[in-house]
Amino acid sequence: MKKIILACAAGMSTSILVSKMKKEATARSIELNIEAIPESTIKEELEAVTDSVIAILLGPQVRMRKKAVTEIAAPYGIPVDVIDTLAYGRGNGAAVLDQALKLAGENI
């Protein structure tokens, strides 16, 4: 199953957004595994992952780590971006799902 990773400082602030994204994916009949993790564990997650990660979205509070995470994800061909601040703040699962799917492009 395709997987989207949301990463923030501890993986907790994005967990509410994950729930809303899962509901939206189900409503659209899109099968996805969406998971929130601490940004510091991305490398280990990608090394151990069994699902096909199609996108990594970073919480706005760890935006300064985008370059480093992009370098970690590059060998796997996984695109990385920062979650839109407005969508994040409003907990807009539909908008963040759209952002992830657009970021994934032909990988979906």
PDB file of N, CA and C in Angstrom:
ATOM      1  N   MET A   1       0.848  -1.184   0.000  1.00  0.00           N
ATOM      2  CA  MET A   1       0.000   0.000   0.000  1.00  0.00           C
ATOM      3  C   MET A   1       0.885   1.236   0.000  1.00  0.00           C
ATOM      4  N   LYS A   2       0.465   2.256  -0.717  1.00  0.00           N
ATOM      5  CA  LYS A   2       1.193   3.527  -0.772  1.00  0.00           C
ATOM      6  C   LYS A   2       1.136   4.205   0.589  1.00  0.00           C
ATOM      7  N   LYS A   3       2.199   4.937   0.907  1.00  0.00           N
ATOM      8  CA  LYS A   3       2.305   5.546   2.235  1.00  0.00           C
ATOM      9  C   LYS A   3       2.734   6.999   2.139  1.00  0.00           C
ATOM     10  N   ILE A   4       2.120   7.840   2.972  1.00  0.00           N
ATOM     11  CA  ILE A   4       2.502   9.242   3.127  1.00  0.00           C
ATOM     12  C   ILE A   4       2.987   9.403   4.562  1.00  0.00           C
ATOM     13  N   ILE A   5       4.132  10.032   4.717  1.00  0.00           N
ATOM     14  CA  ILE A   5       4.674  10.296   6.048  1.00  0.00           C
ATOM     15  C   ILE A   5       4.549  11.779   6.349  1.00  0.00           C
ATOM     16  N   LEU A   6       3.986  12.082   7.520  1.00  0.00           N
ATOM     17  CA  LEU A   6       3.981  13.442   8.053  1.00  0.00           C
ATOM     18  C   LEU A   6       4.955  13.438   9.215  1.00  0.00           C
ATOM     19  N   ALA A   7       5.876  14.379   9.214  1.00  0.00           N
ATOM     20  CA  ALA A   7       6.895  14.411  10.266  1.00  0.00           C
ATOM     21  C   ALA A   7       6.933  15.776  10.931  1.00  0.00           C
ATOM     22  N   CYS A   8       6.990  15.751  12.251  1.00  0.00           N
ATOM     23  CA  CYS A   8       7.129  16.998  13.004  1.00  0.00           C
ATOM     24  C   CYS A   8       8.138  16.749  14.116  1.00  0.00           C
ATOM     25  N   ALA A   9       8.228  17.646  15.060  1.00  0.00           N
ATOM     26  CA  ALA A   9       9.243  17.539  16.102  1.00  0.00           C
ATOM     27  C   ALA A   9       9.122  16.223  16.880  1.00  0.00           C
ATOM     28  N   ALA A  10       7.905  15.853  17.270  1.00  0.00           N
ATOM     29  CA  ALA A  10       7.723  14.619  18.045  1.00  0.00           C
ATOM     30  C   ALA A  10       6.736  13.655  17.402  1.00  0.00           C
ATOM     31  N   GLY A  11       6.135  14.031  16.291  1.00  0.00           N
ATOM     32  CA  GLY A  11       5.152  13.169  15.645  1.00  0.00           C
ATOM     33  C   GLY A  11       3.776  13.265  16.264  1.00  0.00           C
ATOM     34  N   MET A  12       3.605  14.204  17.197  1.00  0.00           N
ATOM     35  CA  MET A  12       2.325  14.296  17.899  1.00  0.00           C
ATOM     36  C   MET A  12       1.411  15.358  17.302  1.00  0.00           C
ATOM     37  N   SER A  13       1.954  16.507  16.956  1.00  0.00           N
ATOM     38  CA  SER A  13       1.091  17.575  16.447  1.00  0.00           C
ATOM     39  C   SER A  13       0.507  17.214  15.079  1.00  0.00           C
ATOM     40  N   THR A  14       1.193  16.371  14.340  1.00  0.00           N
ATOM     41  CA  THR A  14       0.670  15.971  13.035  1.00  0.00           C
ATOM     42  C   THR A  14      -0.313  14.804  13.134  1.00  0.00           C
ATOM     43  N   SER A  15      -0.407  14.163  14.289  1.00  0.00           N
ATOM     44  CA  SER A  15      -1.277  12.986  14.406  1.00  0.00           C
ATOM     45  C   SER A  15      -2.756  13.337  14.220  1.00  0.00           C
ATOM     46  N   ILE A  16      -3.175  14.512  14.655  1.00  0.00           N
ATOM     47  CA  ILE A  16      -4.568  14.940  14.450  1.00  0.00           C
ATOM     48  C   ILE A  16      -4.818  15.131  12.957  1.00  0.00           C
ATOM     49  N   LEU A  17      -3.858  15.708  12.280  1.00  0.00           N
ATOM     50  CA  LEU A  17      -3.961  15.913  10.839  1.00  0.00           C
ATOM     51  C   LEU A  17      -4.015  14.576  10.102  1.00  0.00           C
ATOM     52  N   VAL A  18      -3.254  13.602  10.573  1.00  0.00           N
ATOM     53  CA  VAL A  18      -3.272  12.270   9.966  1.00  0.00           C
ATOM     54  C   VAL A  18      -4.684  11.681  10.010  1.00  0.00           C
ATOM     55  N   SER A  19      -5.346  11.803  11.142  1.00  0.00           N
ATOM     56  CA  SER A  19      -6.719  11.278  11.273  1.00  0.00           C
ATOM     57  C   SER A  19      -7.652  11.916  10.248  1.00  0.00           C
ATOM     58  N   LYS A  20      -7.531  13.215  10.087  1.00  0.00           N
ATOM     59  CA  LYS A  20      -8.386  13.919   9.132  1.00  0.00           C
ATOM     60  C   LYS A  20      -8.043  13.545   7.689  1.00  0.00           C
ATOM     61  N   MET A  21      -6.761  13.341   7.419  1.00  0.00           N
ATOM     62  CA  MET A  21      -6.351  12.924   6.074  1.00  0.00           C
ATOM     63  C   MET A  21      -6.863  11.515   5.758  1.00  0.00           C
ATOM     64  N   LYS A  22      -6.811  10.627   6.740  1.00  0.00           N
ATOM     65  CA  LYS A  22      -7.301   9.257   6.539  1.00  0.00           C
ATOM     66  C   LYS A  22      -8.799   9.264   6.233  1.00  0.00           C
ATOM     67  N   LYS A  23      -9.554  10.077   6.965  1.00  0.00           N
ATOM     68  CA  LYS A  23     -10.995  10.186   6.705  1.00  0.00           C
ATOM     69  C   LYS A  23     -11.252  10.673   5.290  1.00  0.00           C
ATOM     70  N   GLU A  24     -10.486  11.667   4.862  1.00  0.00           N
ATOM     71  CA  GLU A  24     -10.648  12.230   3.526  1.00  0.00           C
ATOM     72  C   GLU A  24     -10.268  11.208   2.455  1.00  0.00           C
ATOM     73  N   ALA A  25      -9.185  10.479   2.672  1.00  0.00           N
ATOM     74  CA  ALA A  25      -8.766   9.447   1.709  1.00  0.00           C
ATOM     75  C   ALA A  25      -9.845   8.371   1.590  1.00  0.00           C
ATOM     76  N   THR A  26     -10.423   7.969   2.699  1.00  0.00           N
ATOM     77  CA  THR A  26     -11.496   6.973   2.687  1.00  0.00           C
ATOM     78  C   THR A  26     -12.706   7.502   1.932  1.00  0.00           C
ATOM     79  N   ALA A  27     -13.055   8.761   2.171  1.00  0.00           N
ATOM     80  CA  ALA A  27     -14.200   9.368   1.479  1.00  0.00           C
ATOM     81  C   ALA A  27     -13.976   9.409  -0.030  1.00  0.00           C
ATOM     82  N   ARG A  28     -12.719   9.506  -0.445  1.00  0.00           N
ATOM     83  CA  ARG A  28     -12.381   9.552  -1.873  1.00  0.00           C
ATOM     84  C   ARG A  28     -12.069   8.167  -2.446  1.00  0.00           C
ATOM     85  N   SER A  29     -12.201   7.151  -1.624  1.00  0.00           N
ATOM     86  CA  SER A  29     -11.887   5.766  -2.019  1.00  0.00           C
ATOM     87  C   SER A  29     -10.427   5.612  -2.460  1.00  0.00           C
ATOM     88  N   ILE A  30      -9.532   6.291  -1.738  1.00  0.00           N
ATOM     89  CA  ILE A  30      -8.094   6.188  -2.001  1.00  0.00           C
ATOM     90  C   ILE A  30      -7.490   5.370  -0.867  1.00  0.00           C
ATOM     91  N   GLU A  31      -6.815   4.287  -1.218  1.00  0.00           N
ATOM     92  CA  GLU A  31      -6.165   3.451  -0.212  1.00  0.00           C
ATOM     93  C   GLU A  31      -4.763   3.958   0.037  1.00  0.00           C
ATOM     94  N   LEU A  32      -4.545   4.476   1.239  1.00  0.00           N
ATOM     95  CA  LEU A  32      -3.248   5.020   1.624  1.00  0.00           C
ATOM     96  C   LEU A  32      -2.966   4.692   3.074  1.00  0.00           C
ATOM     97  N   ASN A  33      -1.712   4.486   3.384  1.00  0.00           N
ATOM     98  CA  ASN A  33      -1.258   4.416   4.758  1.00  0.00           C
ATOM     99  C   ASN A  33      -0.657   5.783   5.053  1.00  0.00           C
ATOM    100  N   ILE A  34      -1.220   6.504   6.012  1.00  0.00           N
ATOM    101  CA  ILE A  34      -0.738   7.837   6.367  1.00  0.00           C
ATOM    102  C   ILE A  34      -0.278   7.772   7.818  1.00  0.00           C
ATOM    103  N   GLU A  35       0.949   8.205   8.056  1.00  0.00           N
ATOM    104  CA  GLU A  35       1.542   8.031   9.370  1.00  0.00           C
ATOM    105  C   GLU A  35       2.267   9.289   9.825  1.00  0.00           C
ATOM    106  N   ALA A  36       2.184   9.583  11.123  1.00  0.00           N
ATOM    107  CA  ALA A  36       2.916  10.695  11.727  1.00  0.00           C
ATOM    108  C   ALA A  36       4.095  10.135  12.516  1.00  0.00           C
ATOM    109  N   ILE A  37       5.274  10.707  12.281  1.00  0.00           N
ATOM    110  CA  ILE A  37       6.475  10.265  12.987  1.00  0.00           C
ATOM    111  C   ILE A  37       7.306  11.477  13.389  1.00  0.00           C
ATOM    112  N   PRO A  38       8.207  11.296  14.348  1.00  0.00           N
ATOM    113  CA  PRO A  38       9.144  12.382  14.653  1.00  0.00           C
ATOM    114  C   PRO A  38      10.106  12.568  13.481  1.00  0.00           C
ATOM    115  N   GLU A  39      10.422  13.797  13.170  1.00  0.00           N
ATOM    116  CA  GLU A  39      11.327  14.085  12.052  1.00  0.00           C
ATOM    117  C   GLU A  39      12.672  13.396  12.241  1.00  0.00           C
ATOM    118  N   SER A  40      13.112  13.264  13.476  1.00  0.00           N
ATOM    119  CA  SER A  40      14.418  12.674  13.762  1.00  0.00           C
ATOM    120  C   SER A  40      14.505  11.190  13.416  1.00  0.00           C
ATOM    121  N   THR A  41      13.372  10.538  13.136  1.00  0.00           N
ATOM    122  CA  THR A  41      13.379   9.098  12.845  1.00  0.00           C
ATOM    123  C   THR A  41      13.150   8.783  11.364  1.00  0.00           C
ATOM    124  N   ILE A  42      13.164   9.791  10.518  1.00  0.00           N
ATOM    125  CA  ILE A  42      12.872   9.562   9.100  1.00  0.00           C
ATOM    126  C   ILE A  42      13.852   8.574   8.467  1.00  0.00           C
ATOM    127  N   LYS A  43      15.125   8.737   8.732  1.00  0.00           N
ATOM    128  CA  LYS A  43      16.121   7.844   8.121  1.00  0.00           C
ATOM    129  C   LYS A  43      15.844   6.387   8.493  1.00  0.00           C
ATOM    130  N   GLU A  44      15.630   6.127   9.763  1.00  0.00           N
ATOM    131  CA  GLU A  44      15.353   4.770  10.228  1.00  0.00           C
ATOM    132  C   GLU A  44      14.049   4.242   9.630  1.00  0.00           C
ATOM    133  N   GLU A  45      13.051   5.106   9.538  1.00  0.00           N
ATOM    134  CA  GLU A  45      11.762   4.714   8.966  1.00  0.00           C
ATOM    135  C   GLU A  45      11.934   4.289   7.510  1.00  0.00           C
ATOM    136  N   LEU A  46      12.683   5.055   6.745  1.00  0.00           N
ATOM    137  CA  LEU A  46      12.870   4.726   5.333  1.00  0.00           C
ATOM    138  C   LEU A  46      13.703   3.455   5.151  1.00  0.00           C
ATOM    139  N   GLU A  47      14.634   3.215   6.051  1.00  0.00           N
ATOM    140  CA  GLU A  47      15.445   1.997   5.974  1.00  0.00           C
ATOM    141  C   GLU A  47      14.621   0.754   6.296  1.00  0.00           C
ATOM    142  N   ALA A  48      13.616   0.903   7.160  1.00  0.00           N
ATOM    143  CA  ALA A  48      12.830  -0.240   7.614  1.00  0.00           C
ATOM    144  C   ALA A  48      11.477  -0.387   6.934  1.00  0.00           C
ATOM    145  N   VAL A  49      11.091   0.586   6.147  1.00  0.00           N
ATOM    146  CA  VAL A  49       9.737   0.627   5.616  1.00  0.00           C
ATOM    147  C   VAL A  49       9.446  -0.559   4.685  1.00  0.00           C
ATOM    148  N   THR A  50       8.223  -1.060   4.806  1.00  0.00           N
ATOM    149  CA  THR A  50       7.791  -2.119   3.896  1.00  0.00           C
ATOM    150  C   THR A  50       6.777  -1.579   2.899  1.00  0.00           C
ATOM    151  N   ASP A  51       6.152  -0.472   3.259  1.00  0.00           N
ATOM    152  CA  ASP A  51       5.203   0.175   2.345  1.00  0.00           C
ATOM    153  C   ASP A  51       5.968   1.049   1.359  1.00  0.00           C
ATOM    154  N   SER A  52       5.323   1.422   0.300  1.00  0.00           N
ATOM    155  CA  SER A  52       5.935   2.296  -0.698  1.00  0.00           C
ATOM    156  C   SER A  52       5.630   3.749  -0.351  1.00  0.00           C
ATOM    157  N   VAL A  53       6.601   4.442   0.220  1.00  0.00           N
ATOM    158  CA  VAL A  53       6.420   5.842   0.604  1.00  0.00           C
ATOM    159  C   VAL A  53       6.403   6.690  -0.664  1.00  0.00           C
ATOM    160  N   ILE A  54       5.337   7.491  -0.830  1.00  0.00           N
ATOM    161  CA  ILE A  54       5.205   8.321  -2.025  1.00  0.00           C
ATOM    162  C   ILE A  54       5.480   9.789  -1.745  1.00  0.00           C
ATOM    163  N   ALA A  55       5.462  10.199  -0.469  1.00  0.00           N
ATOM    164  CA  ALA A  55       5.706  11.603  -0.126  1.00  0.00           C
ATOM    165  C   ALA A  55       5.997  11.734   1.362  1.00  0.00           C
ATOM    166  N   ILE A  56       6.835  12.720   1.678  1.00  0.00           N
ATOM    167  CA  ILE A  56       7.088  13.089   3.065  1.00  0.00           C
ATOM    168  C   ILE A  56       6.738  14.564   3.202  1.00  0.00           C
ATOM    169  N   LEU A  57       5.870  14.861   4.158  1.00  0.00           N
ATOM    170  CA  LEU A  57       5.503  16.246   4.450  1.00  0.00           C
ATOM    171  C   LEU A  57       5.975  16.588   5.856  1.00  0.00           C
ATOM    172  N   LEU A  58       6.654  17.710   5.967  1.00  0.00           N
ATOM    173  CA  LEU A  58       7.169  18.170   7.257  1.00  0.00           C
ATOM    174  C   LEU A  58       6.236  19.199   7.873  1.00  0.00           C
ATOM    175  N   GLY A  59       6.055  19.112   9.188  1.00  0.00           N
ATOM    176  CA  GLY A  59       5.296  20.134   9.895  1.00  0.00           C
ATOM    177  C   GLY A  59       6.028  21.460   9.803  1.00  0.00           C
ATOM    178  N   PRO A  60       5.293  22.560   9.787  1.00  0.00           N
ATOM    179  CA  PRO A  60       5.923  23.878   9.656  1.00  0.00           C
ATOM    180  C   PRO A  60       6.997  24.156  10.713  1.00  0.00           C
ATOM    181  N   GLN A  61       6.856  23.566  11.896  1.00  0.00           N
ATOM    182  CA  GLN A  61       7.824  23.825  12.966  1.00  0.00           C
ATOM    183  C   GLN A  61       9.191  23.178  12.712  1.00  0.00           C
ATOM    184  N   VAL A  62       9.287  22.264  11.726  1.00  0.00           N
ATOM    185  CA  VAL A  62      10.580  21.664  11.382  1.00  0.00           C
ATOM    186  C   VAL A  62      10.969  21.993   9.937  1.00  0.00           C
ATOM    187  N   ARG A  63      10.439  23.082   9.414  1.00  0.00           N
ATOM    188  CA  ARG A  63      10.710  23.473   8.021  1.00  0.00           C
ATOM    189  C   ARG A  63      12.202  23.646   7.744  1.00  0.00           C
ATOM    190  N   MET A  64      12.964  24.019   8.776  1.00  0.00           N
ATOM    191  CA  MET A  64      14.394  24.218   8.585  1.00  0.00           C
ATOM    192  C   MET A  64      15.138  22.925   8.300  1.00  0.00           C
ATOM    193  N   ARG A  65      14.495  21.789   8.468  1.00  0.00           N
ATOM    194  CA  ARG A  65      15.101  20.484   8.218  1.00  0.00           C
ATOM    195  C   ARG A  65      14.796  19.954   6.813  1.00  0.00           C
ATOM    196  N   LYS A  66      14.112  20.748   6.001  1.00  0.00           N
ATOM    197  CA  LYS A  66      13.703  20.273   4.674  1.00  0.00           C
ATOM    198  C   LYS A  66      14.893  19.816   3.829  1.00  0.00           C
ATOM    199  N   LYS A  67      15.963  20.585   3.804  1.00  0.00           N
ATOM    200  CA  LYS A  67      17.121  20.220   2.982  1.00  0.00           C
ATOM    201  C   LYS A  67      17.703  18.886   3.443  1.00  0.00           C
ATOM    202  N   ALA A  68      17.878  18.723   4.741  1.00  0.00           N
ATOM    203  CA  ALA A  68      18.448  17.483   5.284  1.00  0.00           C
ATOM    204  C   ALA A  68      17.550  16.284   4.998  1.00  0.00           C
ATOM    205  N   VAL A  69      16.243  16.459   5.179  1.00  0.00           N
ATOM    206  CA  VAL A  69      15.298  15.358   4.923  1.00  0.00           C
ATOM    207  C   VAL A  69      15.255  15.036   3.433  1.00  0.00           C
ATOM    208  N   THR A  70      15.324  16.052   2.597  1.00  0.00           N
ATOM    209  CA  THR A  70      15.350  15.830   1.145  1.00  0.00           C
ATOM    210  C   THR A  70      16.561  14.986   0.768  1.00  0.00           C
ATOM    211  N   GLU A  71      17.695  15.253   1.383  1.00  0.00           N
ATOM    212  CA  GLU A  71      18.907  14.465   1.113  1.00  0.00           C
ATOM    213  C   GLU A  71      18.750  13.019   1.582  1.00  0.00           C
ATOM    214  N   ILE A  72      18.089  12.810   2.711  1.00  0.00           N
ATOM    215  CA  ILE A  72      17.845  11.457   3.225  1.00  0.00           C
ATOM    216  C   ILE A  72      16.894  10.701   2.288  1.00  0.00           C
ATOM    217  N   ALA A  73      15.875  11.385   1.793  1.00  0.00           N
ATOM    218  CA  ALA A  73      14.844  10.748   0.970  1.00  0.00           C
ATOM    219  C   ALA A  73      15.258  10.566  -0.490  1.00  0.00           C
ATOM    220  N   ALA A  74      16.244  11.331  -0.954  1.00  0.00           N
ATOM    221  CA  ALA A  74      16.644  11.314  -2.367  1.00  0.00           C
ATOM    222  C   ALA A  74      16.999   9.919  -2.896  1.00  0.00           C
ATOM    223  N   PRO A  75      17.771   9.109  -2.170  1.00  0.00           N
ATOM    224  CA  PRO A  75      18.106   7.789  -2.702  1.00  0.00           C
ATOM    225  C   PRO A  75      16.877   6.891  -2.917  1.00  0.00           C
ATOM    226  N   TYR A  76      15.794   7.198  -2.228  1.00  0.00           N
ATOM    227  CA  TYR A  76      14.563   6.424  -2.354  1.00  0.00           C
ATOM    228  C   TYR A  76      13.610   7.028  -3.388  1.00  0.00           C
ATOM    229  N   GLY A  77      13.985   8.194  -3.931  1.00  0.00           N
ATOM    230  CA  GLY A  77      13.136   8.863  -4.921  1.00  0.00           C
ATOM    231  C   GLY A  77      11.850   9.416  -4.325  1.00  0.00           C
ATOM    232  N   ILE A  78      11.902   9.787  -3.055  1.00  0.00           N
ATOM    233  CA  ILE A  78      10.711  10.273  -2.357  1.00  0.00           C
ATOM    234  C   ILE A  78      10.755  11.791  -2.258  1.00  0.00           C
ATOM    235  N   PRO A  79       9.712  12.480  -2.764  1.00  0.00           N
ATOM    236  CA  PRO A  79       9.679  13.940  -2.664  1.00  0.00           C
ATOM    237  C   PRO A  79       9.350  14.408  -1.243  1.00  0.00           C
ATOM    238  N   VAL A  80       9.878  15.578  -0.896  1.00  0.00           N
ATOM    239  CA  VAL A  80       9.698  16.154   0.443  1.00  0.00           C
ATOM    240  C   VAL A  80       9.230  17.595   0.297  1.00  0.00           C
ATOM    241  N   ASP A  81       8.301  17.997   1.159  1.00  0.00           N
ATOM    242  CA  ASP A  81       7.860  19.385   1.193  1.00  0.00           C
ATOM    243  C   ASP A  81       7.416  19.720   2.609  1.00  0.00           C
ATOM    244  N   VAL A  82       7.179  20.998   2.856  1.00  0.00           N
ATOM    245  CA  VAL A  82       6.663  21.466   4.144  1.00  0.00           C
ATOM    246  C   VAL A  82       5.150  21.638   3.998  1.00  0.00           C
ATOM    247  N   ILE A  83       4.415  21.165   4.983  1.00  0.00           N
ATOM    248  CA  ILE A  83       2.955  21.300   4.965  1.00  0.00           C
ATOM    249  C   ILE A  83       2.584  22.774   4.921  1.00  0.00           C
ATOM    250  N   ASP A  84       1.635  23.096   4.061  1.00  0.00           N
ATOM    251  CA  ASP A  84       1.129  24.464   3.974  1.00  0.00           C
ATOM    252  C   ASP A  84       0.720  24.929   5.375  1.00  0.00           C
ATOM    253  N   THR A  85       1.266  26.071   5.796  1.00  0.00           N
ATOM    254  CA  THR A  85       1.051  26.564   7.161  1.00  0.00           C
ATOM    255  C   THR A  85      -0.426  26.799   7.476  1.00  0.00           C
ATOM    256  N   LEU A  86      -1.146  27.374   6.543  1.00  0.00           N
ATOM    257  CA  LEU A  86      -2.569  27.642   6.769  1.00  0.00           C
ATOM    258  C   LEU A  86      -3.357  26.346   6.905  1.00  0.00           C
ATOM    259  N   ALA A  87      -3.118  25.399   6.014  1.00  0.00           N
ATOM    260  CA  ALA A  87      -3.811  24.106   6.079  1.00  0.00           C
ATOM    261  C   ALA A  87      -3.455  23.375   7.368  1.00  0.00           C
ATOM    262  N   TYR A  88      -2.199  23.465   7.763  1.00  0.00           N
ATOM    263  CA  TYR A  88      -1.747  22.831   9.004  1.00  0.00           C
ATOM    264  C   TYR A  88      -2.456  23.448  10.206  1.00  0.00           C
ATOM    265  N   GLY A  89      -2.436  24.768  10.277  1.00  0.00           N
ATOM    266  CA  GLY A  89      -3.053  25.470  11.402  1.00  0.00           C
ATOM    267  C   GLY A  89      -4.540  25.234  11.524  1.00  0.00           C
ATOM    268  N   ARG A  90      -5.201  25.072  10.404  1.00  0.00           N
ATOM    269  CA  ARG A  90      -6.648  24.827  10.406  1.00  0.00           C
ATOM    270  C   ARG A  90      -6.992  23.351  10.513  1.00  0.00           C
ATOM    271  N   GLY A  91      -5.988  22.508  10.475  1.00  0.00           N
ATOM    272  CA  GLY A  91      -6.243  21.067  10.524  1.00  0.00           C
ATOM    273  C   GLY A  91      -7.023  20.598   9.311  1.00  0.00           C
ATOM    274  N   ASN A  92      -6.720  21.176   8.162  1.00  0.00           N
ATOM    275  CA  ASN A  92      -7.455  20.884   6.935  1.00  0.00           C
ATOM    276  C   ASN A  92      -6.868  19.631   6.271  1.00  0.00           C
ATOM    277  N   GLY A  93      -7.392  18.475   6.671  1.00  0.00           N
ATOM    278  CA  GLY A  93      -6.912  17.199   6.148  1.00  0.00           C
ATOM    279  C   GLY A  93      -7.048  17.069   4.652  1.00  0.00           C
ATOM    280  N   ALA A  94      -8.125  17.596   4.084  1.00  0.00           N
ATOM    281  CA  ALA A  94      -8.341  17.511   2.636  1.00  0.00           C
ATOM    282  C   ALA A  94      -7.249  18.275   1.889  1.00  0.00           C
ATOM    283  N   ALA A  95      -6.921  19.467   2.359  1.00  0.00           N
ATOM    284  CA  ALA A  95      -5.906  20.283   1.689  1.00  0.00           C
ATOM    285  C   ALA A  95      -4.526  19.644   1.794  1.00  0.00           C
ATOM    286  N   VAL A  96      -4.207  19.078   2.938  1.00  0.00           N
ATOM    287  CA  VAL A  96      -2.900  18.449   3.113  1.00  0.00           C
ATOM    288  C   VAL A  96      -2.826  17.156   2.304  1.00  0.00           C
ATOM    289  N   LEU A  97      -3.924  16.423   2.229  1.00  0.00           N
ATOM    290  CA  LEU A  97      -3.954  15.236   1.365  1.00  0.00           C
ATOM    291  C   LEU A  97      -3.727  15.636  -0.087  1.00  0.00           C
ATOM    292  N   ASP A  98      -4.394  16.690  -0.521  1.00  0.00           N
ATOM    293  CA  ASP A  98      -4.188  17.188  -1.886  1.00  0.00           C
ATOM    294  C   ASP A  98      -2.731  17.571  -2.116  1.00  0.00           C
ATOM    295  N   GLN A  99      -2.127  18.233  -1.130  1.00  0.00           N
ATOM    296  CA  GLN A  99      -0.723  18.632  -1.254  1.00  0.00           C
ATOM    297  C   GLN A  99       0.174  17.401  -1.407  1.00  0.00           C
ATOM    298  N   ALA A 100      -0.076  16.378  -0.601  1.00  0.00           N
ATOM    299  CA  ALA A 100       0.740  15.163  -0.657  1.00  0.00           C
ATOM    300  C   ALA A 100       0.575  14.441  -1.991  1.00  0.00           C
ATOM    301  N   LEU A 101      -0.660  14.352  -2.458  1.00  0.00           N
ATOM    302  CA  LEU A 101      -0.914  13.659  -3.726  1.00  0.00           C
ATOM    303  C   LEU A 101      -0.288  14.412  -4.902  1.00  0.00           C
ATOM    304  N   LYS A 102      -0.363  15.734  -4.855  1.00  0.00           N
ATOM    305  CA  LYS A 102       0.255  16.547  -5.906  1.00  0.00           C
ATOM    306  C   LYS A 102       1.780  16.381  -5.863  1.00  0.00           C
ATOM    307  N   LEU A 103       2.323  16.383  -4.673  1.00  0.00           N
ATOM    308  CA  LEU A 103       3.763  16.209  -4.500  1.00  0.00           C
ATOM    309  C   LEU A 103       4.218  14.850  -5.043  1.00  0.00           C
ATOM    310  N   ALA A 104       3.413  13.824  -4.800  1.00  0.00           N
ATOM    311  CA  ALA A 104       3.745  12.473  -5.263  1.00  0.00           C
ATOM    312  C   ALA A 104       3.712  12.343  -6.772  1.00  0.00           C
ATOM    313  N   GLY A 105       2.889  13.168  -7.414  1.00  0.00           N
ATOM    314  CA  GLY A 105       2.816  13.162  -8.873  1.00  0.00           C
ATOM    315  C   GLY A 105       2.570  11.780  -9.431  1.00  0.00           C
ATOM    316  N   GLU A 106       3.408  11.358 -10.359  1.00  0.00           N
ATOM    317  CA  GLU A 106       3.189  10.077 -11.000  1.00  0.00           C
ATOM    318  C   GLU A 106       3.485   8.899 -10.114  1.00  0.00           C
ATOM    319  N   ASN A 107       3.985   9.138  -8.896  1.00  0.00           N
ATOM    320  CA  ASN A 107       4.265   8.029  -7.977  1.00  0.00           C
ATOM    321  C   ASN A 107       3.005   7.383  -7.410  1.00  0.00           C
ATOM    322  N   ILE A 108       1.859   8.040  -7.579  1.00  0.00           N
ATOM    323  CA  ILE A 108       0.626   7.502  -6.985  1.00  0.00           C
ATOM    324  C   ILE A 108      -0.084   6.561  -7.921  1.00  0.00           C
TER     325      ILE A 108
END
